[in-house]
Amino acid sequence: MIVVTAAEALDAGFLGARFNDELIRRLKRIAATYRIHFVGEGGHESFPFIAAFYSRLLTYTTTEVWSAPDRLEPILGGFA
């Protein structure tokens, strides 16, 4: 899931986006134009909610958006 956007072409619509084929295609198109690396360096950061080393699935119930010039981040709450 994308948890930070910090590139000109990545707006708040990308926050919370889950990685799938369509998102990867979108990021590749943006990377070609804006010179960011589509897997995260120079434009966005991600966080895994499912991983082999987790003892359980991470879930959350609330989201707010924190913003600063050229940077957007979701504030997730209600983890279970």
Protein backbone atom coordinates (compact mmCIF):
# COMPACT_ATOMS: atom_id res chain seq x y z
CA MET A 1 0.00 0.00 0.00
CA ILE A 2 1.31 3.46 -0.83
CA VAL A 3 1.70 5.42 2.40
CA VAL A 4 3.56 8.56 1.24
CA THR A 5 3.52 10.53 -1.99
CA ALA A 6 6.34 12.99 -2.56
CA ALA A 7 6.52 13.51 -6.31
CA GLU A 8 4.83 16.06 -8.52
CA ALA A 9 2.68 13.54 -10.39
CA LEU A 10 1.55 11.56 -7.33
CA ASP A 11 -1.47 13.21 -5.75
CA ALA A 12 -3.65 12.19 -2.80
CA GLY A 13 -5.44 9.71 -5.05
CA PHE A 14 -2.43 7.41 -4.74
CA LEU A 15 -2.52 7.28 -0.92
CA GLY A 16 -3.76 3.90 0.19
CA ALA A 17 -3.41 2.41 -3.28
CA ARG A 18 -2.71 -1.31 -3.19
CA PHE A 19 -0.16 -2.74 -5.56
CA ASN A 20 -1.68 -4.57 -8.50
CA ASP A 21 -1.06 -4.71 -12.25
CA GLU A 22 -2.98 -1.49 -12.96
CA LEU A 23 -1.13 0.52 -10.31
CA ILE A 24 2.23 -0.73 -11.56
CA ARG A 25 1.31 0.30 -15.14
CA ARG A 26 0.29 3.78 -13.89
CA LEU A 27 3.53 4.18 -11.91
CA LYS A 28 5.63 3.09 -14.90
CA ARG A 29 3.93 5.70 -17.13
CA ILE A 30 4.51 8.41 -14.53
CA ALA A 31 8.11 7.28 -13.99
CA ALA A 32 8.84 7.65 -17.69
CA THR A 33 7.63 11.26 -17.67
CA TYR A 34 8.67 12.55 -14.23
CA ARG A 35 11.91 10.58 -13.72
CA ILE A 36 10.91 8.80 -10.52
CA HIS A 37 11.55 5.14 -9.86
CA PHE A 38 8.22 3.32 -9.98
CA VAL A 39 9.03 0.99 -7.06
CA GLY A 40 9.34 3.84 -4.61
CA GLU A 41 12.61 5.71 -4.74
CA GLY A 42 11.99 9.37 -5.39
CA GLY A 43 8.23 9.52 -5.37
CA HIS A 44 6.40 7.27 -2.96
CA GLU A 45 6.85 4.93 -0.02
CA SER A 46 4.94 1.76 0.69
CA PHE A 47 4.10 -0.43 3.67
CA PRO A 48 3.27 -4.16 3.58
CA PHE A 49 0.15 -5.20 5.45
CA ILE A 50 0.71 -8.87 4.66
CA ALA A 51 4.12 -10.47 5.16
CA ALA A 52 5.37 -13.96 5.97
CA PHE A 53 7.01 -12.74 9.18
CA TYR A 54 3.80 -11.17 10.60
CA SER A 55 1.94 -13.31 13.10
CA ARG A 56 -1.38 -11.94 11.78
CA LEU A 57 -2.88 -9.66 9.16
CA LEU A 58 -2.61 -5.94 9.99
CA THR A 59 -5.88 -4.04 9.70
CA TYR A 60 -6.88 -0.43 10.47
CA THR A 61 -10.19 1.39 10.78
CA THR A 62 -9.46 5.12 10.40
CA THR A 63 -7.48 7.26 7.97
CA GLU A 64 -6.60 10.95 7.90
CA VAL A 65 -4.26 12.71 5.47
CA TRP A 66 -1.32 14.79 6.72
CA SER A 67 0.12 17.17 4.16
CA ALA A 68 3.18 19.33 3.76
CA PRO A 69 4.57 21.04 0.67
CA ASP A 70 5.32 18.29 -1.87
CA ARG A 71 4.40 15.46 0.54
CA LEU A 72 1.21 13.65 1.57
CA GLU A 73 0.95 10.92 4.20
CA PRO A 74 -1.99 8.96 5.58
CA ILE A 75 -2.33 8.69 9.35
CA LEU A 76 -3.75 5.24 10.00
CA GLY A 77 -5.52 4.40 13.26
CA GLY A 78 -7.48 1.67 14.94
CA PHE A 79 -4.99 -1.08 14.27
CA ALA A 80 -6.15 -4.55 15.18
